[in-house]
Amino acid sequence: MAQTQLEKALEHFKIDSGMTNDDIADLLGVSRQTLWSKVRGDTPINFKQAKQLADLLGMTLEELYDMVPKTEE
């Protein structure tokens, strides 16, 4: 499975910041598994978590939402 744009951005952020998946998940108040489920688009990301993640990654909410994979309905 190919990485999503948001997964790539998060991986680059982790390298630059030295943070781990657990660190980021803790900041968002979710488990590591839930974090990646949201980043891959498998689980919807709520507004509060999206805002926190966008701030962490230094991007706007619009930029973040553009990176979230769209689920097929």
Protein backbone atom coordinates (compact mmCIF):
# COMPACT_ATOMS: atom_id res chain seq x y z
CA MET A 1 0.00 0.00 0.00
CA ALA A 2 1.42 3.38 -1.01
CA GLN A 3 1.90 6.04 1.64
CA THR A 4 -0.57 8.90 1.71
CA GLN A 5 0.65 12.49 1.51
CA LEU A 6 -0.20 12.94 5.18
CA GLU A 7 1.78 9.82 6.15
CA LYS A 8 4.78 11.20 4.25
CA ALA A 9 4.45 14.61 5.91
CA LEU A 10 4.22 12.99 9.33
CA GLU A 11 7.27 10.82 8.66
CA HIS A 12 9.31 13.88 7.62
CA PHE A 13 8.10 15.75 10.70
CA LYS A 14 9.17 12.87 12.96
CA ILE A 15 12.65 12.85 11.43
CA ASP A 16 13.01 16.62 11.79
CA SER A 17 11.55 16.86 15.30
CA GLY A 18 12.80 13.64 16.85
CA MET A 19 9.29 12.83 18.02
CA THR A 20 7.95 9.29 17.92
CA ASN A 21 4.58 7.94 16.85
CA ASP A 22 3.74 7.54 20.54
CA ASP A 23 4.67 11.19 21.26
CA ILE A 24 2.39 12.45 18.52
CA ALA A 25 -0.44 10.10 19.47
CA ASP A 26 -0.16 11.23 23.10
CA LEU A 27 -0.44 14.88 22.05
CA LEU A 28 -3.63 14.06 20.16
CA GLY A 29 -5.00 11.92 22.98
CA VAL A 30 -5.22 8.73 20.90
CA SER A 31 -3.33 5.46 20.61
CA ARG A 32 -0.58 5.03 18.04
CA GLN A 33 -2.83 2.66 16.08
CA THR A 34 -5.66 5.19 16.06
CA LEU A 35 -3.29 7.94 14.92
CA TRP A 36 -2.23 5.94 11.86
CA SER A 37 -5.79 4.86 11.14
CA LYS A 38 -6.72 8.56 10.99
CA VAL A 39 -3.65 9.51 8.94
CA ARG A 40 -4.42 6.77 6.39
CA GLY A 41 -8.05 7.88 6.16
CA ASP A 42 -9.43 4.64 7.62
CA THR A 43 -10.94 6.50 10.59
CA PRO A 44 -12.33 10.05 10.42
CA ILE A 45 -10.25 12.70 12.14
CA ASN A 46 -12.24 15.09 14.32
CA PHE A 47 -11.78 18.85 14.16
CA LYS A 48 -9.85 19.18 17.42
CA GLN A 49 -7.36 16.47 16.43
CA ALA A 50 -7.05 17.87 12.91
CA LYS A 51 -6.28 21.32 14.33
CA GLN A 52 -3.69 19.90 16.72
CA LEU A 53 -2.05 17.86 13.98
CA ALA A 54 -2.05 20.80 11.53
CA ASP A 55 -0.46 23.05 14.16
CA LEU A 56 2.13 20.39 14.95
CA LEU A 57 3.03 19.97 11.28
CA GLY A 58 3.07 23.73 10.67
CA MET A 59 0.25 23.75 8.14
CA THR A 60 -3.26 25.09 7.84
CA LEU A 61 -6.33 22.95 8.39
CA GLU A 62 -7.09 23.23 4.69
CA GLU A 63 -3.64 21.89 3.80
CA LEU A 64 -4.07 19.04 6.26
CA TYR A 65 -7.53 18.11 4.99
CA ASP A 66 -6.24 18.18 1.40
CA MET A 67 -3.74 15.47 2.44
CA VAL A 68 -6.27 13.21 4.18
CA PRO A 69 -7.29 10.38 1.84
CA LYS A 70 -10.92 10.52 0.80
CA THR A 71 -12.90 7.42 1.68
CA GLU A 72 -15.17 5.98 -0.95
CA GLU A 73 -18.82 5.93 0.00
